Amino acid sequence: MQVLWGQSLPTSGALSYREIENEIPVTEIFNHISIATPYMDLIDEFTLQEQIDFHFKIKNIRDGFRSDELPEIMNLHTARKKQIGNFSSGMRQRLKLGLAFYTKADLIFLDEPGTNLDKNAFAWYLEQLQIIKSNALIIIASNNPEEYPNAFQVINISDFK
C-alpha cells in the first residue's frame, strides 16, 4: 500500500494516477489520498481538537463537515480537550480512521482498520465505511474479512505471487 499511496517507489514498473481524463502528477497525489494505519503517529501533546484542527490545516475536510463537529461524529466528544498522549489505543485508532474518512480524498487507504477497536468502535467503523464508500475508492489491507464487508471486491495478494 505504501507504493500505491506514493510513500515508496515501486521496485519495477511505474504507477500513474488519473482523475477521469486528467493525469495526476505523482508529486500531487497526496492531495487526493487519505491514510489510516495503526502505526501512524499522532501528536501526543495535542488535544483531540488541536489534532483535528492541525490535520485540516494541511488537508481539506470533506464537503458538508466542520472540524468542530468531528469529535461528536467519532464518538470522542467527551475527549475534545484531552491530550492524545492520554488516549487509549482504541481512541487513537478511531481518531486516525475519522481523520481518514473525513478528509476530502478520492482514495482512502486503510491498513488493518479494526486494530484496537472494541465492539462499539468497530460498529462505528463499519457505519462510517458505508457512509463514505460512495464518495471515495477505499482500499483496505487486512487479513480479517470483517474489516472489508461483502460489498467490496477482495483481491488476495497471495494469488499474484
C-alpha atoms as a PDB file:
ATOM      1  CA  MET A   1       0.000   0.000   0.000  1.00  0.00           C
ATOM      2  CA  GLN A   2       2.925   2.341   0.621  1.00  0.00           C
ATOM      3  CA  VAL A   3       3.759   2.095  -3.072  1.00  0.00           C
ATOM      4  CA  LEU A   4       0.153   2.814  -4.052  1.00  0.00           C
ATOM      5  CA  TRP A   5      -0.098   5.908  -1.868  1.00  0.00           C
ATOM      6  CA  GLY A   6       3.265   7.204  -3.065  1.00  0.00           C
ATOM      7  CA  GLN A   7       5.385   6.752   0.059  1.00  0.00           C
ATOM      8  CA  SER A   8       7.671   4.125  -1.504  1.00  0.00           C
ATOM      9  CA  LEU A   9       8.865   3.753  -5.068  1.00  0.00           C
ATOM     10  CA  PRO A  10       7.968   0.571  -6.962  1.00  0.00           C
ATOM     11  CA  THR A  11      10.861  -1.872  -7.479  1.00  0.00           C
ATOM     12  CA  SER A  12       9.753  -2.286 -11.089  1.00  0.00           C
ATOM     13  CA  GLY A  13       7.142  -0.804 -13.346  1.00  0.00           C
ATOM     14  CA  ALA A  14       5.515   2.569 -12.867  1.00  0.00           C
ATOM     15  CA  LEU A  15       2.395   3.993 -11.298  1.00  0.00           C
ATOM     16  CA  SER A  16       0.222   6.665 -12.792  1.00  0.00           C
ATOM     17  CA  TYR A  17      -2.807   8.343 -11.297  1.00  0.00           C
ATOM     18  CA  ARG A  18      -5.786   9.648 -13.215  1.00  0.00           C
ATOM     19  CA  GLU A  19      -8.891  11.544 -12.309  1.00  0.00           C
ATOM     20  CA  ILE A  20     -11.348  10.991 -15.156  1.00  0.00           C
ATOM     21  CA  GLU A  21      -9.362  12.338 -18.154  1.00  0.00           C
ATOM     22  CA  ASN A  22      -6.624  14.188 -16.242  1.00  0.00           C
ATOM     23  CA  GLU A  23      -3.369  12.643 -15.124  1.00  0.00           C
ATOM     24  CA  ILE A  24      -2.381  13.485 -11.550  1.00  0.00           C
ATOM     25  CA  PRO A  25       1.365  14.011 -11.100  1.00  0.00           C
ATOM     26  CA  VAL A  26       2.923  11.701  -8.504  1.00  0.00           C
ATOM     27  CA  THR A  27       4.078  14.806  -6.610  1.00  0.00           C
ATOM     28  CA  GLU A  28       0.425  15.865  -6.224  1.00  0.00           C
ATOM     29  CA  ILE A  29      -1.135  12.524  -5.229  1.00  0.00           C
ATOM     30  CA  PHE A  30      -1.034  13.473  -1.541  1.00  0.00           C
ATOM     31  CA  ASN A  31      -3.840  15.956  -2.284  1.00  0.00           C
ATOM     32  CA  HIS A  32      -6.083  13.078  -3.366  1.00  0.00           C
ATOM     33  CA  ILE A  33      -5.436  10.477  -0.666  1.00  0.00           C
ATOM     34  CA  SER A  34      -6.140   9.834   2.963  1.00  0.00           C
ATOM     35  CA  ILE A  35      -4.483   7.156   5.091  1.00  0.00           C
ATOM     36  CA  ALA A  36      -5.162   5.402   8.410  1.00  0.00           C
ATOM     37  CA  THR A  37      -2.747   2.829   9.779  1.00  0.00           C
ATOM     38  CA  PRO A  38      -2.187   1.518  13.303  1.00  0.00           C
ATOM     39  CA  TYR A  39       1.456   2.626  13.160  1.00  0.00           C
ATOM     40  CA  MET A  40       0.666   6.186  12.021  1.00  0.00           C
ATOM     41  CA  ASP A  41       1.818   8.762  14.564  1.00  0.00           C
ATOM     42  CA  LEU A  42      -0.342  11.373  16.200  1.00  0.00           C
ATOM     43  CA  ILE A  43       0.958  14.345  18.171  1.00  0.00           C
ATOM     44  CA  ASP A  44       0.721  13.266  21.828  1.00  0.00           C
ATOM     45  CA  GLU A  45       0.915  16.822  23.179  1.00  0.00           C
ATOM     46  CA  PHE A  46      -2.123  17.980  21.174  1.00  0.00           C
ATOM     47  CA  THR A  47      -5.654  17.741  22.466  1.00  0.00           C
ATOM     48  CA  LEU A  48      -8.164  15.961  20.260  1.00  0.00           C
ATOM     49  CA  GLN A  49      -9.495  19.237  18.864  1.00  0.00           C
ATOM     50  CA  GLU A  50      -5.972  20.572  18.291  1.00  0.00           C
ATOM     51  CA  GLN A  51      -5.059  17.391  16.358  1.00  0.00           C
ATOM     52  CA  ILE A  52      -8.170  17.690  14.209  1.00  0.00           C
ATOM     53  CA  ASP A  53      -7.605  21.402  13.552  1.00  0.00           C
ATOM     54  CA  PHE A  54      -3.935  20.804  12.714  1.00  0.00           C
ATOM     55  CA  HIS A  55      -4.814  17.978  10.312  1.00  0.00           C
ATOM     56  CA  PHE A  56      -7.309  20.157   8.450  1.00  0.00           C
ATOM     57  CA  LYS A  57      -4.805  22.971   8.047  1.00  0.00           C
ATOM     58  CA  ILE A  58      -2.829  20.542   5.868  1.00  0.00           C
ATOM     59  CA  LYS A  59      -5.699  18.608   4.272  1.00  0.00           C
ATOM     60  CA  ASN A  60      -9.167  19.689   3.160  1.00  0.00           C
ATOM     61  CA  ILE A  61     -12.175  18.496   5.113  1.00  0.00           C
ATOM     62  CA  ARG A  62     -14.862  16.556   3.263  1.00  0.00           C
ATOM     63  CA  ASP A  63     -17.631  18.811   1.943  1.00  0.00           C
ATOM     64  CA  GLY A  64     -20.509  19.348   4.348  1.00  0.00           C
ATOM     65  CA  PHE A  65     -18.471  18.890   7.537  1.00  0.00           C
ATOM     66  CA  ARG A  66     -16.729  21.159  10.048  1.00  0.00           C
ATOM     67  CA  SER A  67     -13.742  20.236  12.188  1.00  0.00           C
ATOM     68  CA  ASP A  68     -15.561  21.196  15.399  1.00  0.00           C
ATOM     69  CA  GLU A  69     -18.273  18.559  14.785  1.00  0.00           C
ATOM     70  CA  LEU A  70     -15.874  15.667  14.133  1.00  0.00           C
ATOM     71  CA  PRO A  71     -15.324  14.710  17.811  1.00  0.00           C
ATOM     72  CA  GLU A  72     -19.062  14.021  18.032  1.00  0.00           C
ATOM     73  CA  ILE A  73     -19.056  12.032  14.764  1.00  0.00           C
ATOM     74  CA  MET A  74     -16.077   9.986  16.018  1.00  0.00           C
ATOM     75  CA  ASN A  75     -17.814   9.344  19.362  1.00  0.00           C
ATOM     76  CA  LEU A  76     -14.925  11.155  21.055  1.00  0.00           C
ATOM     77  CA  HIS A  77     -16.774  14.330  22.116  1.00  0.00           C
ATOM     78  CA  THR A  78     -16.013  13.791  25.818  1.00  0.00           C
ATOM     79  CA  ALA A  79     -12.283  13.785  24.965  1.00  0.00           C
ATOM     80  CA  ARG A  80     -12.276  17.043  22.971  1.00  0.00           C
ATOM     81  CA  LYS A  81      -9.823  18.713  25.396  1.00  0.00           C
ATOM     82  CA  LYS A  82      -7.932  15.544  26.359  1.00  0.00           C
ATOM     83  CA  GLN A  83      -4.319  15.190  25.215  1.00  0.00           C
ATOM     84  CA  ILE A  84      -3.747  12.480  22.605  1.00  0.00           C
ATOM     85  CA  GLY A  85      -0.966  11.057  24.806  1.00  0.00           C
ATOM     86  CA  ASN A  86      -3.677  10.068  27.304  1.00  0.00           C
ATOM     87  CA  PHE A  87      -5.857   8.301  24.724  1.00  0.00           C
ATOM     88  CA  SER A  88      -6.339   4.541  24.743  1.00  0.00           C
ATOM     89  CA  SER A  89      -5.142   2.646  21.674  1.00  0.00           C
ATOM     90  CA  GLY A  90      -8.772   2.306  20.563  1.00  0.00           C
ATOM     91  CA  MET A  91      -9.398   6.038  20.847  1.00  0.00           C
ATOM     92  CA  ARG A  92      -6.248   6.687  18.810  1.00  0.00           C
ATOM     93  CA  GLN A  93      -7.398   4.290  16.099  1.00  0.00           C
ATOM     94  CA  ARG A  94     -10.865   5.862  15.977  1.00  0.00           C
ATOM     95  CA  LEU A  95      -9.238   9.297  15.582  1.00  0.00           C
ATOM     96  CA  LYS A  96      -6.998   8.045  12.761  1.00  0.00           C
ATOM     97  CA  LEU A  97      -9.970   6.483  10.994  1.00  0.00           C
ATOM     98  CA  GLY A  98     -12.091   9.601  11.498  1.00  0.00           C
ATOM     99  CA  LEU A  99      -9.388  11.810  10.020  1.00  0.00           C
ATOM    100  CA  ALA A 100      -9.086   9.462   7.034  1.00  0.00           C
ATOM    101  CA  PHE A 101     -12.839   9.246   6.466  1.00  0.00           C
ATOM    102  CA  TYR A 102     -13.483  12.985   6.759  1.00  0.00           C
ATOM    103  CA  THR A 103     -10.526  14.211   4.716  1.00  0.00           C
ATOM    104  CA  LYS A 104     -11.640  15.257   1.256  1.00  0.00           C
ATOM    105  CA  ALA A 105      -9.938  12.490  -0.707  1.00  0.00           C
ATOM    106  CA  ASP A 106     -10.589  10.380  -3.778  1.00  0.00           C
ATOM    107  CA  LEU A 107      -8.594   7.435  -2.386  1.00  0.00           C
ATOM    108  CA  ILE A 108      -8.711   6.221   1.208  1.00  0.00           C
ATOM    109  CA  PHE A 109      -6.146   3.649   2.324  1.00  0.00           C
ATOM    110  CA  LEU A 110      -6.939   1.705   5.497  1.00  0.00           C
ATOM    111  CA  ASP A 111      -4.367  -0.708   6.896  1.00  0.00           C
ATOM    112  CA  GLU A 112      -5.782  -3.120   9.499  1.00  0.00           C
ATOM    113  CA  PRO A 113      -8.544  -0.623  10.345  1.00  0.00           C
ATOM    114  CA  GLY A 114     -10.129  -2.684  13.140  1.00  0.00           C
ATOM    115  CA  THR A 115      -6.913  -2.792  15.183  1.00  0.00           C
ATOM    116  CA  ASN A 116      -7.574  -1.901  18.843  1.00  0.00           C
ATOM    117  CA  LEU A 117     -11.273  -1.181  18.289  1.00  0.00           C
ATOM    118  CA  ASP A 118     -13.774  -2.535  20.795  1.00  0.00           C
ATOM    119  CA  LYS A 119     -17.185  -3.821  19.687  1.00  0.00           C
ATOM    120  CA  ASN A 120     -18.856  -0.372  19.694  1.00  0.00           C
ATOM    121  CA  ALA A 121     -15.951   1.337  17.933  1.00  0.00           C
ATOM    122  CA  PHE A 122     -15.849  -1.443  15.319  1.00  0.00           C
ATOM    123  CA  ALA A 123     -19.568  -0.936  14.675  1.00  0.00           C
ATOM    124  CA  TRP A 124     -18.853   2.800  14.289  1.00  0.00           C
ATOM    125  CA  TYR A 125     -16.074   1.972  11.766  1.00  0.00           C
ATOM    126  CA  LEU A 126     -18.429  -0.193   9.673  1.00  0.00           C
ATOM    127  CA  GLU A 127     -21.103   2.521   9.771  1.00  0.00           C
ATOM    128  CA  GLN A 128     -18.628   5.192   8.631  1.00  0.00           C
ATOM    129  CA  LEU A 129     -17.371   2.898   5.886  1.00  0.00           C
ATOM    130  CA  GLN A 130     -20.905   2.620   4.484  1.00  0.00           C
ATOM    131  CA  ILE A 131     -21.377   6.396   4.619  1.00  0.00           C
ATOM    132  CA  ILE A 132     -18.085   7.242   2.909  1.00  0.00           C
ATOM    133  CA  LYS A 133     -17.868   4.442   0.317  1.00  0.00           C
ATOM    134  CA  SER A 134     -19.862   6.337  -2.318  1.00  0.00           C
ATOM    135  CA  ASN A 135     -17.501   9.329  -2.099  1.00  0.00           C
ATOM    136  CA  ALA A 136     -14.115   7.625  -2.498  1.00  0.00           C
ATOM    137  CA  LEU A 137     -12.300   4.496  -3.568  1.00  0.00           C
ATOM    138  CA  ILE A 138     -11.399   2.706  -0.344  1.00  0.00           C
ATOM    139  CA  ILE A 139      -8.519   0.240  -0.274  1.00  0.00           C
ATOM    140  CA  ILE A 140      -8.322  -1.924   2.838  1.00  0.00           C
ATOM    141  CA  ALA A 141      -5.358  -4.129   3.711  1.00  0.00           C
ATOM    142  CA  SER A 142      -6.390  -6.744   6.231  1.00  0.00           C
ATOM    143  CA  ASN A 143      -6.452 -10.458   6.947  1.00  0.00           C
ATOM    144  CA  ASN A 144      -9.746 -10.035   8.814  1.00  0.00           C
ATOM    145  CA  PRO A 145     -12.762 -10.342   6.465  1.00  0.00           C
ATOM    146  CA  GLU A 146     -14.954  -8.468   8.977  1.00  0.00           C
ATOM    147  CA  GLU A 147     -12.949  -5.326   8.156  1.00  0.00           C
ATOM    148  CA  TYR A 148     -13.992  -5.410   4.486  1.00  0.00           C
ATOM    149  CA  PRO A 149     -17.702  -6.179   4.215  1.00  0.00           C
ATOM    150  CA  ASN A 150     -19.146  -8.225   1.355  1.00  0.00           C
ATOM    151  CA  ALA A 151     -19.940  -5.135  -0.685  1.00  0.00           C
ATOM    152  CA  PHE A 152     -16.257  -4.749  -1.511  1.00  0.00           C
ATOM    153  CA  GLN A 153     -14.136  -6.519  -4.109  1.00  0.00           C
ATOM    154  CA  VAL A 154     -11.480  -8.698  -2.499  1.00  0.00           C
ATOM    155  CA  ILE A 155      -8.029  -9.127  -4.035  1.00  0.00           C
ATOM    156  CA  ASN A 156      -5.918 -11.816  -2.411  1.00  0.00           C
ATOM    157  CA  ILE A 157      -2.273 -10.726  -2.814  1.00  0.00           C
ATOM    158  CA  SER A 158      -1.022 -14.313  -2.492  1.00  0.00           C
ATOM    159  CA  ASP A 159      -2.836 -15.106  -5.764  1.00  0.00           C
ATOM    160  CA  PHE A 160      -0.340 -12.838  -7.556  1.00  0.00           C
ATOM    161  CA  LYS A 161       2.925 -14.169  -6.124  1.00  0.00           C
END
